[in-house]
Amino acid sequence: MCRNITVLRGLEPAATAEEIEAAARQYVRKISGVQTLSDATREPFEAAVAEITEVTARLLQELPARRMPPTTVPPLRRPEVQARLARRS
């Protein structure tokens, strides 16, 4: 698994739409090799992110409950990441 993508199943509270999209975006970046969007890559990249986000959300809803929570915290829930995002805003 891509080391930057964290497990979203079994989070309390459940994974948010923002967390699911962030994981989808990381996945598409990894498999496509696209780090910076250009006019030529923007549309197919964003379409792939949208599709993977939708499929992932459906998968997380349909899977049974997890016995143990994930061992890592998604980046968007980490205080240092939240602080960095707040500074950018």
PDB file of N, CA and C in Angstrom:
ATOM      1  N   MET A   1       0.846  -1.178   0.000  1.00  0.00           N
ATOM      2  CA  MET A   1       0.000   0.000   0.000  1.00  0.00           C
ATOM      3  C   MET A   1       0.888   1.237   0.000  1.00  0.00           C
ATOM      4  N   CYS A   2       0.416   2.261  -0.636  1.00  0.00           N
ATOM      5  CA  CYS A   2       1.134   3.529  -0.610  1.00  0.00           C
ATOM      6  C   CYS A   2       1.239   3.991   0.837  1.00  0.00           C
ATOM      7  N   ARG A   3       2.425   4.289   1.285  1.00  0.00           N
ATOM      8  CA  ARG A   3       2.596   4.602   2.699  1.00  0.00           C
ATOM      9  C   ARG A   3       1.918   5.899   3.115  1.00  0.00           C
ATOM     10  N   ASN A   4       1.539   6.755   2.181  1.00  0.00           N
ATOM     11  CA  ASN A   4       0.866   7.999   2.524  1.00  0.00           C
ATOM     12  C   ASN A   4      -0.653   7.855   2.615  1.00  0.00           C
ATOM     13  N   ILE A   5      -1.164   6.718   2.217  1.00  0.00           N
ATOM     14  CA  ILE A   5      -2.603   6.500   2.295  1.00  0.00           C
ATOM     15  C   ILE A   5      -2.890   5.705   3.559  1.00  0.00           C
ATOM     16  N   THR A   6      -3.690   6.268   4.442  1.00  0.00           N
ATOM     17  CA  THR A   6      -3.988   5.595   5.704  1.00  0.00           C
ATOM     18  C   THR A   6      -5.298   4.829   5.610  1.00  0.00           C
ATOM     19  N   VAL A   7      -5.457   3.885   6.504  1.00  0.00           N
ATOM     20  CA  VAL A   7      -6.676   3.079   6.566  1.00  0.00           C
ATOM     21  C   VAL A   7      -7.816   3.968   7.055  1.00  0.00           C
ATOM     22  N   LEU A   8      -8.917   3.965   6.332  1.00  0.00           N
ATOM     23  CA  LEU A   8     -10.069   4.788   6.694  1.00  0.00           C
ATOM     24  C   LEU A   8     -11.188   3.977   7.335  1.00  0.00           C
ATOM     25  N   ARG A   9     -11.187   2.690   7.108  1.00  0.00           N
ATOM     26  CA  ARG A   9     -12.241   1.825   7.658  1.00  0.00           C
ATOM     27  C   ARG A   9     -12.043   1.677   9.161  1.00  0.00           C
ATOM     28  N   GLY A  10     -13.105   1.871   9.897  1.00  0.00           N
ATOM     29  CA  GLY A  10     -13.078   1.667  11.335  1.00  0.00           C
ATOM     30  C   GLY A  10     -12.725   2.894  12.149  1.00  0.00           C
ATOM     31  N   LEU A  11     -12.613   4.042  11.504  1.00  0.00           N
ATOM     32  CA  LEU A  11     -12.315   5.267  12.238  1.00  0.00           C
ATOM     33  C   LEU A  11     -13.510   5.672  13.078  1.00  0.00           C
ATOM     34  N   GLU A  12     -13.236   6.257  14.232  1.00  0.00           N
ATOM     35  CA  GLU A  12     -14.281   6.820  15.082  1.00  0.00           C
ATOM     36  C   GLU A  12     -13.938   8.272  15.331  1.00  0.00           C
ATOM     37  N   PRO A  13     -14.723   9.212  14.893  1.00  0.00           N
ATOM     38  CA  PRO A  13     -15.886   9.055  14.028  1.00  0.00           C
ATOM     39  C   PRO A  13     -15.469   8.589  12.630  1.00  0.00           C
ATOM     40  N   ALA A  14     -16.467   8.166  11.887  1.00  0.00           N
ATOM     41  CA  ALA A  14     -16.223   7.609  10.552  1.00  0.00           C
ATOM     42  C   ALA A  14     -15.479   8.607   9.662  1.00  0.00           C
ATOM     43  N   ALA A  15     -14.797   8.066   8.667  1.00  0.00           N
ATOM     44  CA  ALA A  15     -14.046   8.897   7.721  1.00  0.00           C
ATOM     45  C   ALA A  15     -14.967   9.930   7.079  1.00  0.00           C
ATOM     46  N   THR A  16     -14.469  11.129   6.963  1.00  0.00           N
ATOM     47  CA  THR A  16     -15.246  12.205   6.352  1.00  0.00           C
ATOM     48  C   THR A  16     -15.069  12.174   4.840  1.00  0.00           C
ATOM     49  N   ALA A  17     -15.928  12.885   4.158  1.00  0.00           N
ATOM     50  CA  ALA A  17     -15.817  12.988   2.700  1.00  0.00           C
ATOM     51  C   ALA A  17     -14.476  13.614   2.319  1.00  0.00           C
ATOM     52  N   GLU A  18     -14.001  14.563   3.111  1.00  0.00           N
ATOM     53  CA  GLU A  18     -12.711  15.225   2.851  1.00  0.00           C
ATOM     54  C   GLU A  18     -11.559  14.221   2.987  1.00  0.00           C
ATOM     55  N   GLU A  19     -11.613  13.357   3.991  1.00  0.00           N
ATOM     56  CA  GLU A  19     -10.565  12.343   4.187  1.00  0.00           C
ATOM     57  C   GLU A  19     -10.574  11.313   3.062  1.00  0.00           C
ATOM     58  N   ILE A  20     -11.766  10.934   2.636  1.00  0.00           N
ATOM     59  CA  ILE A  20     -11.885   9.962   1.541  1.00  0.00           C
ATOM     60  C   ILE A  20     -11.331  10.563   0.253  1.00  0.00           C
ATOM     61  N   GLU A  21     -11.669  11.823  -0.017  1.00  0.00           N
ATOM     62  CA  GLU A  21     -11.153  12.466  -1.230  1.00  0.00           C
ATOM     63  C   GLU A  21      -9.636  12.635  -1.167  1.00  0.00           C
ATOM     64  N   ALA A  22      -9.098  12.965   0.005  1.00  0.00           N
ATOM     65  CA  ALA A  22      -7.647  13.125   0.149  1.00  0.00           C
ATOM     66  C   ALA A  22      -6.935  11.801  -0.142  1.00  0.00           C
ATOM     67  N   ALA A  23      -7.502  10.692   0.333  1.00  0.00           N
ATOM     68  CA  ALA A  23      -6.903   9.383   0.065  1.00  0.00           C
ATOM     69  C   ALA A  23      -6.982   9.061  -1.432  1.00  0.00           C
ATOM     70  N   ALA A  24      -8.122   9.371  -2.052  1.00  0.00           N
ATOM     71  CA  ALA A  24      -8.277   9.129  -3.491  1.00  0.00           C
ATOM     72  C   ALA A  24      -7.275   9.958  -4.288  1.00  0.00           C
ATOM     73  N   ARG A  25      -7.079  11.203  -3.876  1.00  0.00           N
ATOM     74  CA  ARG A  25      -6.135  12.097  -4.563  1.00  0.00           C
ATOM     75  C   ARG A  25      -4.710  11.554  -4.438  1.00  0.00           C
ATOM     76  N   GLN A  26      -4.334  11.066  -3.258  1.00  0.00           N
ATOM     77  CA  GLN A  26      -3.006  10.475  -3.070  1.00  0.00           C
ATOM     78  C   GLN A  26      -2.828   9.252  -3.965  1.00  0.00           C
ATOM     79  N   TYR A  27      -3.865   8.430  -4.033  1.00  0.00           N
ATOM     80  CA  TYR A  27      -3.809   7.225  -4.862  1.00  0.00           C
ATOM     81  C   TYR A  27      -3.614   7.581  -6.339  1.00  0.00           C
ATOM     82  N   VAL A  28      -4.395   8.539  -6.826  1.00  0.00           N
ATOM     83  CA  VAL A  28      -4.293   8.927  -8.234  1.00  0.00           C
ATOM     84  C   VAL A  28      -2.925   9.550  -8.513  1.00  0.00           C
ATOM     85  N   ARG A  29      -2.417  10.346  -7.588  1.00  0.00           N
ATOM     86  CA  ARG A  29      -1.071  10.914  -7.761  1.00  0.00           C
ATOM     87  C   ARG A  29      -0.033   9.808  -7.873  1.00  0.00           C
ATOM     88  N   LYS A  30      -0.150   8.813  -7.002  1.00  0.00           N
ATOM     89  CA  LYS A  30       0.830   7.737  -6.972  1.00  0.00           C
ATOM     90  C   LYS A  30       0.820   6.928  -8.265  1.00  0.00           C
ATOM     91  N   ILE A  31      -0.359   6.503  -8.701  1.00  0.00           N
ATOM     92  CA  ILE A  31      -0.395   5.622  -9.871  1.00  0.00           C
ATOM     93  C   ILE A  31      -0.187   6.365 -11.186  1.00  0.00           C
ATOM     94  N   SER A  32      -0.518   7.662 -11.207  1.00  0.00           N
ATOM     95  CA  SER A  32      -0.371   8.413 -12.460  1.00  0.00           C
ATOM     96  C   SER A  32       1.001   9.080 -12.575  1.00  0.00           C
ATOM     97  N   GLY A  33       1.628   9.322 -11.446  1.00  0.00           N
ATOM     98  CA  GLY A  33       2.888  10.050 -11.467  1.00  0.00           C
ATOM     99  C   GLY A  33       2.708  11.546 -11.647  1.00  0.00           C
ATOM    100  N   VAL A  34       1.469  12.022 -11.657  1.00  0.00           N
ATOM    101  CA  VAL A  34       1.170  13.448 -11.829  1.00  0.00           C
ATOM    102  C   VAL A  34       1.202  14.115 -10.456  1.00  0.00           C
ATOM    103  N   GLN A  35       2.124  15.032 -10.267  1.00  0.00           N
ATOM    104  CA  GLN A  35       2.224  15.765  -9.006  1.00  0.00           C
ATOM    105  C   GLN A  35       1.677  17.181  -9.135  1.00  0.00           C
ATOM    106  N   THR A  36       1.880  17.784 -10.303  1.00  0.00           N
ATOM    107  CA  THR A  36       1.394  19.135 -10.567  1.00  0.00           C
ATOM    108  C   THR A  36       0.476  19.076 -11.775  1.00  0.00           C
ATOM    109  N   LEU A  37      -0.726  19.605 -11.601  1.00  0.00           N
ATOM    110  CA  LEU A  37      -1.697  19.549 -12.690  1.00  0.00           C
ATOM    111  C   LEU A  37      -1.399  20.601 -13.754  1.00  0.00           C
ATOM    112  N   SER A  38      -1.576  20.197 -14.983  1.00  0.00           N
ATOM    113  CA  SER A  38      -1.458  21.109 -16.123  1.00  0.00           C
ATOM    114  C   SER A  38      -2.810  21.110 -16.828  1.00  0.00           C
ATOM    115  N   ASP A  39      -2.944  21.917 -17.841  1.00  0.00           N
ATOM    116  CA  ASP A  39      -4.192  21.925 -18.607  1.00  0.00           C
ATOM    117  C   ASP A  39      -4.463  20.559 -19.229  1.00  0.00           C
ATOM    118  N   ALA A  40      -3.410  19.862 -19.609  1.00  0.00           N
ATOM    119  CA  ALA A  40      -3.565  18.551 -20.251  1.00  0.00           C
ATOM    120  C   ALA A  40      -3.931  17.444 -19.260  1.00  0.00           C
ATOM    121  N   THR A  41      -3.554  17.595 -17.991  1.00  0.00           N
ATOM    122  CA  THR A  41      -3.790  16.518 -17.017  1.00  0.00           C
ATOM    123  C   THR A  41      -4.938  16.790 -16.055  1.00  0.00           C
ATOM    124  N   ARG A  42      -5.347  18.041 -15.931  1.00  0.00           N
ATOM    125  CA  ARG A  42      -6.342  18.407 -14.914  1.00  0.00           C
ATOM    126  C   ARG A  42      -7.655  17.631 -15.033  1.00  0.00           C
ATOM    127  N   GLU A  43      -8.257  17.621 -16.204  1.00  0.00           N
ATOM    128  CA  GLU A  43      -9.571  16.989 -16.360  1.00  0.00           C
ATOM    129  C   GLU A  43      -9.541  15.479 -16.088  1.00  0.00           C
ATOM    130  N   PRO A  44      -8.632  14.715 -16.711  1.00  0.00           N
ATOM    131  CA  PRO A  44      -8.618  13.282 -16.424  1.00  0.00           C
ATOM    132  C   PRO A  44      -8.222  12.973 -14.979  1.00  0.00           C
ATOM    133  N   PHE A  45      -7.327  13.772 -14.423  1.00  0.00           N
ATOM    134  CA  PHE A  45      -6.912  13.572 -13.037  1.00  0.00           C
ATOM    135  C   PHE A  45      -8.094  13.783 -12.094  1.00  0.00           C
ATOM    136  N   GLU A  46      -8.784  14.906 -12.222  1.00  0.00           N
ATOM    137  CA  GLU A  46      -9.917  15.216 -11.344  1.00  0.00           C
ATOM    138  C   GLU A  46     -11.063  14.225 -11.542  1.00  0.00           C
ATOM    139  N   ALA A  47     -11.285  13.757 -12.771  1.00  0.00           N
ATOM    140  CA  ALA A  47     -12.313  12.742 -13.023  1.00  0.00           C
ATOM    141  C   ALA A  47     -11.972  11.444 -12.292  1.00  0.00           C
ATOM    142  N   ALA A  48     -10.707  11.059 -12.336  1.00  0.00           N
ATOM    143  CA  ALA A  48     -10.274   9.841 -11.642  1.00  0.00           C
ATOM    144  C   ALA A  48     -10.442   9.997 -10.135  1.00  0.00           C
ATOM    145  N   VAL A  49     -10.084  11.146  -9.595  1.00  0.00           N
ATOM    146  CA  VAL A  49     -10.241  11.385  -8.157  1.00  0.00           C
ATOM    147  C   VAL A  49     -11.711  11.280  -7.769  1.00  0.00           C
ATOM    148  N   ALA A  50     -12.595  11.872  -8.559  1.00  0.00           N
ATOM    149  CA  ALA A  50     -14.034  11.829  -8.262  1.00  0.00           C
ATOM    150  C   ALA A  50     -14.561  10.395  -8.282  1.00  0.00           C
ATOM    151  N   GLU A  51     -14.169   9.627  -9.284  1.00  0.00           N
ATOM    152  CA  GLU A  51     -14.636   8.241  -9.374  1.00  0.00           C
ATOM    153  C   GLU A  51     -14.121   7.404  -8.214  1.00  0.00           C
ATOM    154  N   ILE A  52     -12.858   7.539  -7.892  1.00  0.00           N
ATOM    155  CA  ILE A  52     -12.278   6.745  -6.808  1.00  0.00           C
ATOM    156  C   ILE A  52     -12.854   7.168  -5.464  1.00  0.00           C
ATOM    157  N   THR A  53     -13.127   8.451  -5.296  1.00  0.00           N
ATOM    158  CA  THR A  53     -13.765   8.929  -4.069  1.00  0.00           C
ATOM    159  C   THR A  53     -15.134   8.282  -3.897  1.00  0.00           C
ATOM    160  N   GLU A  54     -15.902   8.257  -4.964  1.00  0.00           N
ATOM    161  CA  GLU A  54     -17.249   7.671  -4.918  1.00  0.00           C
ATOM    162  C   GLU A  54     -17.195   6.178  -4.590  1.00  0.00           C
ATOM    163  N   VAL A  55     -16.332   5.459  -5.268  1.00  0.00           N
ATOM    164  CA  VAL A  55     -16.213   4.016  -5.051  1.00  0.00           C
ATOM    165  C   VAL A  55     -15.726   3.720  -3.629  1.00  0.00           C
ATOM    166  N   THR A  56     -14.784   4.517  -3.153  1.00  0.00           N
ATOM    167  CA  THR A  56     -14.250   4.314  -1.809  1.00  0.00           C
ATOM    168  C   THR A  56     -15.310   4.568  -0.750  1.00  0.00           C
ATOM    169  N   ALA A  57     -16.083   5.617  -0.903  1.00  0.00           N
ATOM    170  CA  ALA A  57     -17.156   5.918   0.049  1.00  0.00           C
ATOM    171  C   ALA A  57     -18.164   4.770   0.085  1.00  0.00           C
ATOM    172  N   ARG A  58     -18.517   4.262  -1.082  1.00  0.00           N
ATOM    173  CA  ARG A  58     -19.462   3.141  -1.141  1.00  0.00           C
ATOM    174  C   ARG A  58     -18.863   1.900  -0.477  1.00  0.00           C
ATOM    175  N   LEU A  59     -17.605   1.622  -0.745  1.00  0.00           N
ATOM    176  CA  LEU A  59     -16.939   0.476  -0.143  1.00  0.00           C
ATOM    177  C   LEU A  59     -16.937   0.576   1.383  1.00  0.00           C
ATOM    178  N   LEU A  60     -16.582   1.744   1.906  1.00  0.00           N
ATOM    179  CA  LEU A  60     -16.544   1.914   3.358  1.00  0.00           C
ATOM    180  C   LEU A  60     -17.921   1.751   3.991  1.00  0.00           C
ATOM    181  N   GLN A  61     -18.969   2.142   3.288  1.00  0.00           N
ATOM    182  CA  GLN A  61     -20.333   1.976   3.798  1.00  0.00           C
ATOM    183  C   GLN A  61     -20.762   0.518   3.803  1.00  0.00           C
ATOM    184  N   GLU A  62     -20.311  -0.242   2.799  1.00  0.00           N
ATOM    185  CA  GLU A  62     -20.769  -1.617   2.636  1.00  0.00           C
ATOM    186  C   GLU A  62     -19.967  -2.644   3.427  1.00  0.00           C
ATOM    187  N   LEU A  63     -18.744  -2.322   3.795  1.00  0.00           N
ATOM    188  CA  LEU A  63     -17.934  -3.275   4.551  1.00  0.00           C
ATOM    189  C   LEU A  63     -18.468  -3.418   5.977  1.00  0.00           C
ATOM    190  N   PRO A  64     -18.327  -4.610   6.577  1.00  0.00           N
ATOM    191  CA  PRO A  64     -18.768  -4.765   7.963  1.00  0.00           C
ATOM    192  C   PRO A  64     -17.869  -3.955   8.899  1.00  0.00           C
ATOM    193  N   ALA A  65     -18.355  -3.747  10.098  1.00  0.00           N
ATOM    194  CA  ALA A  65     -17.590  -2.995  11.099  1.00  0.00           C
ATOM    195  C   ALA A  65     -16.258  -3.692  11.361  1.00  0.00           C
ATOM    196  N   ARG A  66     -15.284  -2.911  11.679  1.00  0.00           N
ATOM    197  CA  ARG A  66     -13.950  -3.430  11.951  1.00  0.00           C
ATOM    198  C   ARG A  66     -13.816  -3.759  13.431  1.00  0.00           C
ATOM    199  N   ARG A  67     -13.126  -4.825  13.756  1.00  0.00           N
ATOM    200  CA  ARG A  67     -12.971  -5.225  15.161  1.00  0.00           C
ATOM    201  C   ARG A  67     -12.051  -4.291  15.929  1.00  0.00           C
ATOM    202  N   MET A  68     -10.991  -3.855  15.261  1.00  0.00           N
ATOM    203  CA  MET A  68     -10.037  -2.957  15.914  1.00  0.00           C
ATOM    204  C   MET A  68      -9.865  -1.711  15.048  1.00  0.00           C
ATOM    205  N   PRO A  69      -9.705  -0.560  15.687  1.00  0.00           N
ATOM    206  CA  PRO A  69      -9.508   0.665  14.898  1.00  0.00           C
ATOM    207  C   PRO A  69      -8.158   0.634  14.192  1.00  0.00           C
ATOM    208  N   PRO A  70      -7.996   1.434  13.151  1.00  0.00           N
ATOM    209  CA  PRO A  70      -6.714   1.503  12.454  1.00  0.00           C
ATOM    210  C   PRO A  70      -5.601   1.951  13.407  1.00  0.00           C
ATOM    211  N   THR A  71      -4.378   1.567  13.090  1.00  0.00           N
ATOM    212  CA  THR A  71      -3.247   1.922  13.948  1.00  0.00           C
ATOM    213  C   THR A  71      -2.709   3.314  13.685  1.00  0.00           C
ATOM    214  N   THR A  72      -3.066   3.906  12.565  1.00  0.00           N
ATOM    215  CA  THR A  72      -2.603   5.255  12.239  1.00  0.00           C
ATOM    216  C   THR A  72      -3.784   6.204  12.121  1.00  0.00           C
ATOM    217  N   VAL A  73      -3.511   7.452  12.359  1.00  0.00           N
ATOM    218  CA  VAL A  73      -4.531   8.498  12.262  1.00  0.00           C
ATOM    219  C   VAL A  73      -4.399   9.158  10.902  1.00  0.00           C
ATOM    220  N   PRO A  74      -5.513   9.341  10.181  1.00  0.00           N
ATOM    221  CA  PRO A  74      -5.432  10.026   8.885  1.00  0.00           C
ATOM    222  C   PRO A  74      -4.808  11.412   9.046  1.00  0.00           C
ATOM    223  N   PRO A  75      -4.036  11.843   8.059  1.00  0.00           N
ATOM    224  CA  PRO A  75      -3.353  13.136   8.155  1.00  0.00           C
ATOM    225  C   PRO A  75      -4.271  14.304   8.507  1.00  0.00           C
ATOM    226  N   LEU A  76      -5.472  14.332   7.947  1.00  0.00           N
ATOM    227  CA  LEU A  76      -6.355  15.476   8.190  1.00  0.00           C
ATOM    228  C   LEU A  76      -6.828  15.548   9.639  1.00  0.00           C
ATOM    229  N   ARG A  77      -6.591  14.498  10.422  1.00  0.00           N
ATOM    230  CA  ARG A  77      -6.958  14.509  11.842  1.00  0.00           C
ATOM    231  C   ARG A  77      -5.767  14.819  12.741  1.00  0.00           C
ATOM    232  N   ARG A  78      -4.589  14.930  12.183  1.00  0.00           N
ATOM    233  CA  ARG A  78      -3.388  15.196  12.980  1.00  0.00           C
ATOM    234  C   ARG A  78      -3.273  16.689  13.265  1.00  0.00           C
ATOM    235  N   PRO A  79      -2.998  17.052  14.526  1.00  0.00           N
ATOM    236  CA  PRO A  79      -2.924  18.479  14.886  1.00  0.00           C
ATOM    237  C   PRO A  79      -1.922  19.270  14.054  1.00  0.00           C
ATOM    238  N   GLU A  80      -0.756  18.687  13.751  1.00  0.00           N
ATOM    239  CA  GLU A  80       0.252  19.432  12.995  1.00  0.00           C
ATOM    240  C   GLU A  80      -0.209  19.706  11.562  1.00  0.00           C
ATOM    241  N   VAL A  81      -0.978  18.784  10.983  1.00  0.00           N
ATOM    242  CA  VAL A  81      -1.502  18.989   9.637  1.00  0.00           C
ATOM    243  C   VAL A  81      -2.611  20.030   9.670  1.00  0.00           C
ATOM    244  N   GLN A  82      -3.472  19.943  10.662  1.00  0.00           N
ATOM    245  CA  GLN A  82      -4.537  20.932  10.798  1.00  0.00           C
ATOM    246  C   GLN A  82      -3.959  22.335  10.972  1.00  0.00           C
ATOM    247  N   ALA A  83      -2.884  22.460  11.744  1.00  0.00           N
ATOM    248  CA  ALA A  83      -2.249  23.768  11.943  1.00  0.00           C
ATOM    249  C   ALA A  83      -1.660  24.281  10.633  1.00  0.00           C
ATOM    250  N   ARG A  84      -1.008  23.397   9.870  1.00  0.00           N
ATOM    251  CA  ARG A  84      -0.417  23.812   8.597  1.00  0.00           C
ATOM    252  C   ARG A  84      -1.499  24.271   7.616  1.00  0.00           C
ATOM    253  N   LEU A  85      -2.615  23.541   7.572  1.00  0.00           N
ATOM    254  CA  LEU A  85      -3.716  23.908   6.671  1.00  0.00           C
ATOM    255  C   LEU A  85      -4.342  25.236   7.105  1.00  0.00           C
ATOM    256  N   ALA A  86      -4.435  25.459   8.408  1.00  0.00           N
ATOM    257  CA  ALA A  86      -4.998  26.698   8.904  1.00  0.00           C
ATOM    258  C   ALA A  86      -4.113  27.888   8.538  1.00  0.00           C
ATOM    259  N   ARG A  87      -2.793  27.695   8.577  1.00  0.00           N
ATOM    260  CA  ARG A  87      -1.870  28.783   8.201  1.00  0.00           C
ATOM    261  C   ARG A  87      -2.010  29.132   6.724  1.00  0.00           C
ATOM    262  N   ARG A  88      -2.300  28.137   5.890  1.00  0.00           N
ATOM    263  CA  ARG A  88      -2.449  28.380   4.439  1.00  0.00           C
ATOM    264  C   ARG A  88      -3.716  29.154   4.127  1.00  0.00           C
ATOM    265  N   SER A  89      -4.722  28.996   4.960  1.00  0.00           N
ATOM    266  CA  SER A  89      -6.030  29.636   4.710  1.00  0.00           C
ATOM    267  C   SER A  89      -6.011  31.115   4.955  1.00  0.00           C
TER     268      SER A  89
END
